C-alpha cells in the first residue's frame, strides 16, 4: 500500500500512460486514491462522489434537484397520467422514492396525512378516479389485496342501487 504523497507514473500502478500521479486522501471522506498531477499539483482534492456532492469539479458534478440547470419545479406527469414529484434527500419520506428521488404525489400526500412513509404493499386509491386529483379527501389507503377487491365492491353497490331504482320505477308505473 502506498503512503500519502507518494508519486508514481501511470505504468507503475497498472495504467497505460506515463502521467505522474500522487497518492492522496479525499478531504471529505478520507478515501485514499491515485490522483493525476497537473503542473505539480493534484487535479482534485476530493474523490468523485464527494466532489459531485459539493459541486467541486463542474465536469464531474452530478447536479440534482434544484441545483440542476434544467430544473422546472420537480413536478411532472408521467405517461400513465400520475403526477410525480422530486423529494429532497433530507425528506423524512425519502424511503418511498425511487432511485431518482421521485415519488408519486398521491402517495406523498397520503404519507403526510397519516404521518409516516408508506410501505410498498400499501396502495393509494383515488375515490373519484381522477389520477391528478390528489386532494387528501379524494385519497384512500388500501393494502394491495383490498385494493384489488375494491372495484368488485363498487360494482356490487352499483348493482344494488340499480335494483332499487328499477323497483321504484315498477312501483311508480305498474303498467
C-alpha atoms as a PDB file:
ATOM      1  CA  UNK A   1       0.000   0.000   0.000  1.00  0.00           C
ATOM      2  CA  UNK A   2       1.425   3.397  -0.983  1.00  0.00           C
ATOM      3  CA  UNK A   3       1.896   6.134   1.593  1.00  0.00           C
ATOM      4  CA  UNK A   4       0.319   9.606   1.358  1.00  0.00           C
ATOM      5  CA  UNK A   5       2.195  11.972  -1.020  1.00  0.00           C
ATOM      6  CA  UNK A   6       3.986   9.107  -2.799  1.00  0.00           C
ATOM      7  CA  UNK A   7       4.303   9.801  -6.550  1.00  0.00           C
ATOM      8  CA  UNK A   8       4.454   7.281  -9.404  1.00  0.00           C
ATOM      9  CA  UNK A   9       3.992   7.078 -13.167  1.00  0.00           C
ATOM     10  CA  UNK A  10       0.785   5.565 -14.546  1.00  0.00           C
ATOM     11  CA  UNK A  11       2.526   2.441 -15.932  1.00  0.00           C
ATOM     12  CA  UNK A  12       3.977   1.723 -12.482  1.00  0.00           C
ATOM     13  CA  UNK A  13       0.471   1.470 -10.961  1.00  0.00           C
ATOM     14  CA  UNK A  14      -1.109  -0.553 -13.773  1.00  0.00           C
ATOM     15  CA  UNK A  15      -2.320   2.198 -16.099  1.00  0.00           C
ATOM     16  CA  UNK A  16      -1.372   2.626 -19.766  1.00  0.00           C
ATOM     17  CA  UNK A  17       0.043   6.145 -19.572  1.00  0.00           C
ATOM     18  CA  UNK A  18       3.185   7.816 -18.221  1.00  0.00           C
ATOM     19  CA  UNK A  19       1.479  10.708 -16.417  1.00  0.00           C
ATOM     20  CA  UNK A  20       2.644  11.410 -12.894  1.00  0.00           C
ATOM     21  CA  UNK A  21       0.189  10.633 -10.085  1.00  0.00           C
ATOM     22  CA  UNK A  22       0.194  11.207  -6.323  1.00  0.00           C
ATOM     23  CA  UNK A  23      -1.386   9.025  -3.607  1.00  0.00           C
ATOM     24  CA  UNK A  24      -3.837  11.375  -1.801  1.00  0.00           C
ATOM     25  CA  UNK A  25      -6.725  11.187   0.660  1.00  0.00           C
ATOM     26  CA  UNK A  26     -10.099  12.835  -0.029  1.00  0.00           C
ATOM     27  CA  UNK A  27     -10.684  15.976   2.057  1.00  0.00           C
ATOM     28  CA  UNK A  28     -14.216  14.940   2.992  1.00  0.00           C
ATOM     29  CA  UNK A  29     -14.336  11.151   3.392  1.00  0.00           C
ATOM     30  CA  UNK A  30     -10.636  10.288   3.688  1.00  0.00           C
ATOM     31  CA  UNK A  31     -10.726   7.711   0.888  1.00  0.00           C
ATOM     32  CA  UNK A  32      -7.203   7.206  -0.475  1.00  0.00           C
ATOM     33  CA  UNK A  33      -6.600   7.044  -4.238  1.00  0.00           C
ATOM     34  CA  UNK A  34      -4.160   7.937  -7.021  1.00  0.00           C
ATOM     35  CA  UNK A  35      -4.692  11.490  -8.289  1.00  0.00           C
ATOM     36  CA  UNK A  36      -3.339  12.875 -11.567  1.00  0.00           C
ATOM     37  CA  UNK A  37      -0.882  15.749 -11.136  1.00  0.00           C
ATOM     38  CA  UNK A  38      -1.243  18.893 -13.217  1.00  0.00           C
ATOM     39  CA  UNK A  39       1.554  21.426 -13.009  1.00  0.00           C
ATOM     40  CA  UNK A  40       2.827  19.562  -9.931  1.00  0.00           C
ATOM     41  CA  UNK A  41      -0.494  19.835  -8.066  1.00  0.00           C
ATOM     42  CA  UNK A  42      -3.221  17.176  -7.582  1.00  0.00           C
ATOM     43  CA  UNK A  43      -6.028  17.547 -10.115  1.00  0.00           C
ATOM     44  CA  UNK A  44      -8.676  17.180  -7.379  1.00  0.00           C
ATOM     45  CA  UNK A  45      -8.730  17.265  -3.594  1.00  0.00           C
ATOM     46  CA  UNK A  46     -11.904  15.170  -3.319  1.00  0.00           C
ATOM     47  CA  UNK A  47     -12.926  11.740  -4.601  1.00  0.00           C
ATOM     48  CA  UNK A  48     -15.578  11.610  -7.339  1.00  0.00           C
ATOM     49  CA  UNK A  49     -18.690  11.166  -5.100  1.00  0.00           C
ATOM     50  CA  UNK A  50     -17.601  13.882  -2.638  1.00  0.00           C
ATOM     51  CA  UNK A  51     -16.673  16.253  -5.455  1.00  0.00           C
ATOM     52  CA  UNK A  52     -20.086  15.770  -7.048  1.00  0.00           C
ATOM     53  CA  UNK A  53     -21.833  16.368  -3.719  1.00  0.00           C
ATOM     54  CA  UNK A  54     -20.197  19.740  -3.153  1.00  0.00           C
ATOM     55  CA  UNK A  55     -20.071  20.680  -6.839  1.00  0.00           C
ATOM     56  CA  UNK A  56     -16.280  20.907  -6.842  1.00  0.00           C
ATOM     57  CA  UNK A  57     -15.459  19.694 -10.348  1.00  0.00           C
ATOM     58  CA  UNK A  58     -18.080  21.031 -12.778  1.00  0.00           C
ATOM     59  CA  UNK A  59     -17.482  18.236 -15.287  1.00  0.00           C
ATOM     60  CA  UNK A  60     -17.789  15.516 -12.632  1.00  0.00           C
ATOM     61  CA  UNK A  61     -20.587  17.092 -10.589  1.00  0.00           C
ATOM     62  CA  UNK A  62     -23.994  15.451 -10.779  1.00  0.00           C
ATOM     63  CA  UNK A  63     -26.313  18.384 -10.294  1.00  0.00           C
ATOM     64  CA  UNK A  64     -29.593  17.107  -8.963  1.00  0.00           C
ATOM     65  CA  UNK A  65     -32.852  18.692  -7.949  1.00  0.00           C
ATOM     66  CA  UNK A  66     -32.919  22.440  -7.501  1.00  0.00           C
ATOM     67  CA  UNK A  67     -29.227  22.714  -8.436  1.00  0.00           C
ATOM     68  CA  UNK A  68     -29.792  21.227 -11.902  1.00  0.00           C
ATOM     69  CA  UNK A  69     -29.667  23.765 -14.750  1.00  0.00           C
ATOM     70  CA  UNK A  70     -32.879  22.350 -16.275  1.00  0.00           C
ATOM     71  CA  UNK A  71     -34.908  22.441 -13.022  1.00  0.00           C
ATOM     72  CA  UNK A  72     -38.615  23.060 -13.629  1.00  0.00           C
ATOM     73  CA  UNK A  73     -40.024  22.682 -10.140  1.00  0.00           C
ATOM     74  CA  UNK A  74     -39.567  18.937  -9.653  1.00  0.00           C
ATOM     75  CA  UNK A  75     -43.143  18.044 -10.610  1.00  0.00           C
ATOM     76  CA  UNK A  76     -44.244  16.297 -13.799  1.00  0.00           C
ATOM     77  CA  UNK A  77     -46.930  13.992 -15.172  1.00  0.00           C
ATOM     78  CA  UNK A  78     -45.784  10.557 -16.306  1.00  0.00           C
ATOM     79  CA  UNK A  79     -47.105   8.618 -19.328  1.00  0.00           C
ATOM     80  CA  UNK A  80     -49.745   6.881 -17.163  1.00  0.00           C
ATOM     81  CA  UNK A  81     -51.224  10.214 -16.048  1.00  0.00           C
ATOM     82  CA  UNK A  82     -49.916  10.219 -12.467  1.00  0.00           C
ATOM     83  CA  UNK A  83     -48.102  13.237 -11.043  1.00  0.00           C
ATOM     84  CA  UNK A  84     -44.566  12.528  -9.868  1.00  0.00           C
ATOM     85  CA  UNK A  85     -42.625  14.870  -7.565  1.00  0.00           C
ATOM     86  CA  UNK A  86     -38.951  15.114  -6.641  1.00  0.00           C
ATOM     87  CA  UNK A  87     -38.082  14.670  -2.968  1.00  0.00           C
ATOM     88  CA  UNK A  88     -35.183  16.337  -1.226  1.00  0.00           C
ATOM     89  CA  UNK A  89     -32.710  13.719   0.069  1.00  0.00           C
ATOM     90  CA  UNK A  90     -33.252  15.060   3.631  1.00  0.00           C
ATOM     91  CA  UNK A  91     -37.029  14.484   3.450  1.00  0.00           C
ATOM     92  CA  UNK A  92     -38.450  12.066   6.055  1.00  0.00           C
ATOM     93  CA  UNK A  93     -40.330  10.383   3.185  1.00  0.00           C
ATOM     94  CA  UNK A  94     -37.241   9.677   1.036  1.00  0.00           C
ATOM     95  CA  UNK A  95     -37.613   5.933   1.707  1.00  0.00           C
ATOM     96  CA  UNK A  96     -40.667   5.978  -0.610  1.00  0.00           C
ATOM     97  CA  UNK A  97     -38.725   7.472  -3.537  1.00  0.00           C
ATOM     98  CA  UNK A  98     -37.228   5.609  -6.479  1.00  0.00           C
ATOM     99  CA  UNK A  99     -33.535   5.756  -7.448  1.00  0.00           C
ATOM    100  CA  UNK A 100     -34.008   9.235  -8.977  1.00  0.00           C
ATOM    101  CA  UNK A 101     -35.627  10.654  -5.833  1.00  0.00           C
ATOM    102  CA  UNK A 102     -39.100  10.679  -7.451  1.00  0.00           C
ATOM    103  CA  UNK A 103     -42.324   9.640  -5.722  1.00  0.00           C
ATOM    104  CA  UNK A 104     -45.955   9.707  -6.872  1.00  0.00           C
ATOM    105  CA  UNK A 105     -47.668  12.783  -5.465  1.00  0.00           C
ATOM    106  CA  UNK A 106     -50.780  10.907  -4.286  1.00  0.00           C
ATOM    107  CA  UNK A 107     -48.588   8.540  -2.233  1.00  0.00           C
ATOM    108  CA  UNK A 108     -46.714  11.502  -0.736  1.00  0.00           C
ATOM    109  CA  UNK A 109     -49.965  13.314   0.154  1.00  0.00           C
ATOM    110  CA  UNK A 110     -51.283  10.185   1.901  1.00  0.00           C
ATOM    111  CA  UNK A 111     -47.974   9.654   3.740  1.00  0.00           C
ATOM    112  CA  UNK A 112     -48.076  13.232   5.037  1.00  0.00           C
ATOM    113  CA  UNK A 113     -51.716  12.772   6.049  1.00  0.00           C
ATOM    114  CA  UNK A 114     -51.003   9.674   8.165  1.00  0.00           C
ATOM    115  CA  UNK A 115     -47.614  10.973   9.346  1.00  0.00           C
ATOM    116  CA  UNK A 116     -45.342   8.145   8.146  1.00  0.00           C
ATOM    117  CA  UNK A 117     -43.827   6.791   4.914  1.00  0.00           C
ATOM    118  CA  UNK A 118     -45.997   4.262   3.103  1.00  0.00           C
ATOM    119  CA  UNK A 119     -44.947   0.643   2.750  1.00  0.00           C
ATOM    120  CA  UNK A 120     -44.597  -0.903  -0.699  1.00  0.00           C
ATOM    121  CA  UNK A 121     -47.620  -3.168  -0.018  1.00  0.00           C
ATOM    122  CA  UNK A 122     -49.904  -0.154   0.560  1.00  0.00           C
ATOM    123  CA  UNK A 123     -51.858   1.376  -2.325  1.00  0.00           C
ATOM    124  CA  UNK A 124     -53.479   4.782  -2.516  1.00  0.00           C
ATOM    125  CA  UNK A 125     -56.803   4.897  -4.367  1.00  0.00           C
ATOM    126  CA  UNK A 126     -58.351   7.988  -5.993  1.00  0.00           C
ATOM    127  CA  UNK A 127     -62.016   7.907  -4.940  1.00  0.00           C
ATOM    128  CA  UNK A 128     -63.241   9.904  -7.948  1.00  0.00           C
ATOM    129  CA  UNK A 129     -60.970   8.057 -10.397  1.00  0.00           C
ATOM    130  CA  UNK A 130     -59.090  11.206 -11.444  1.00  0.00           C
ATOM    131  CA  UNK A 131     -55.353  10.444 -11.219  1.00  0.00           C
ATOM    132  CA  UNK A 132     -54.368  14.096 -10.948  1.00  0.00           C
ATOM    133  CA  UNK A 133     -56.829  14.991  -8.165  1.00  0.00           C
ATOM    134  CA  UNK A 134     -54.517  14.457  -5.195  1.00  0.00           C
ATOM    135  CA  UNK A 135     -56.586  16.248  -2.555  1.00  0.00           C
ATOM    136  CA  UNK A 136     -56.382  14.360   0.769  1.00  0.00           C
ATOM    137  CA  UNK A 137     -60.200  13.978   0.834  1.00  0.00           C
ATOM    138  CA  UNK A 138     -60.058  12.172  -2.524  1.00  0.00           C
ATOM    139  CA  UNK A 139     -57.475   9.595  -1.431  1.00  0.00           C
ATOM    140  CA  UNK A 140     -57.976   6.318   0.383  1.00  0.00           C
ATOM    141  CA  UNK A 141     -55.311   3.919   1.694  1.00  0.00           C
ATOM    142  CA  UNK A 142     -55.597   0.191   0.958  1.00  0.00           C
ATOM    143  CA  UNK A 143     -53.474  -2.896   1.239  1.00  0.00           C
ATOM    144  CA  UNK A 144     -52.736  -4.312  -2.233  1.00  0.00           C
ATOM    145  CA  UNK A 145     -55.159  -7.171  -1.589  1.00  0.00           C
ATOM    146  CA  UNK A 146     -58.017  -4.873  -0.508  1.00  0.00           C
ATOM    147  CA  UNK A 147     -57.302  -2.511  -3.400  1.00  0.00           C
ATOM    148  CA  UNK A 148     -57.815  -5.393  -5.855  1.00  0.00           C
ATOM    149  CA  UNK A 149     -61.213  -6.158  -4.240  1.00  0.00           C
ATOM    150  CA  UNK A 150     -62.405  -2.522  -4.298  1.00  0.00           C
ATOM    151  CA  UNK A 151     -63.753  -2.453  -7.896  1.00  0.00           C
ATOM    152  CA  UNK A 152     -65.868  -5.526  -7.141  1.00  0.00           C
ATOM    153  CA  UNK A 153     -67.297  -3.866  -4.028  1.00  0.00           C
ATOM    154  CA  UNK A 154     -68.148  -0.759  -6.031  1.00  0.00           C
ATOM    155  CA  UNK A 155     -69.733  -2.895  -8.733  1.00  0.00           C
ATOM    156  CA  UNK A 156     -71.849  -4.750  -6.158  1.00  0.00           C
ATOM    157  CA  UNK A 157     -73.032  -1.430  -4.650  1.00  0.00           C
ATOM    158  CA  UNK A 158     -73.980  -0.164  -8.125  1.00  0.00           C
ATOM    159  CA  UNK A 159     -75.925  -3.372  -8.851  1.00  0.00           C
ATOM    160  CA  UNK A 160     -77.896  -2.940  -5.600  1.00  0.00           C
ATOM    161  CA  UNK A 161     -78.591   0.697  -6.451  1.00  0.00           C
ATOM    162  CA  UNK A 162     -79.799  -0.223  -9.961  1.00  0.00           C
ATOM    163  CA  UNK A 163     -82.035  -2.945  -8.492  1.00  0.00           C
ATOM    164  CA  UNK A 164     -83.585  -0.463  -6.032  1.00  0.00           C
ATOM    165  CA  UNK A 165     -84.147   2.119  -8.771  1.00  0.00           C
ATOM    166  CA  UNK A 166     -85.828  -0.482 -11.003  1.00  0.00           C
ATOM    167  CA  UNK A 167     -88.120  -1.489  -8.128  1.00  0.00           C
ATOM    168  CA  UNK A 168     -89.099   2.163  -7.607  1.00  0.00           C
ATOM    169  CA  UNK A 169     -89.834   2.506 -11.333  1.00  0.00           C
ATOM    170  CA  UNK A 170     -92.033  -0.621 -11.247  1.00  0.00           C
ATOM    171  CA  UNK A 171     -93.944   0.710  -8.242  1.00  0.00           C
ATOM    172  CA  UNK A 172     -94.441   4.110  -9.875  1.00  0.00           C
ATOM    173  CA  UNK A 173     -95.532   2.679 -13.243  1.00  0.00           C
ATOM    174  CA  UNK A 174     -97.462  -0.611 -12.746  1.00  0.00           C
ATOM    175  CA  UNK A 175     -98.333  -0.857 -16.464  1.00  0.00           C
END
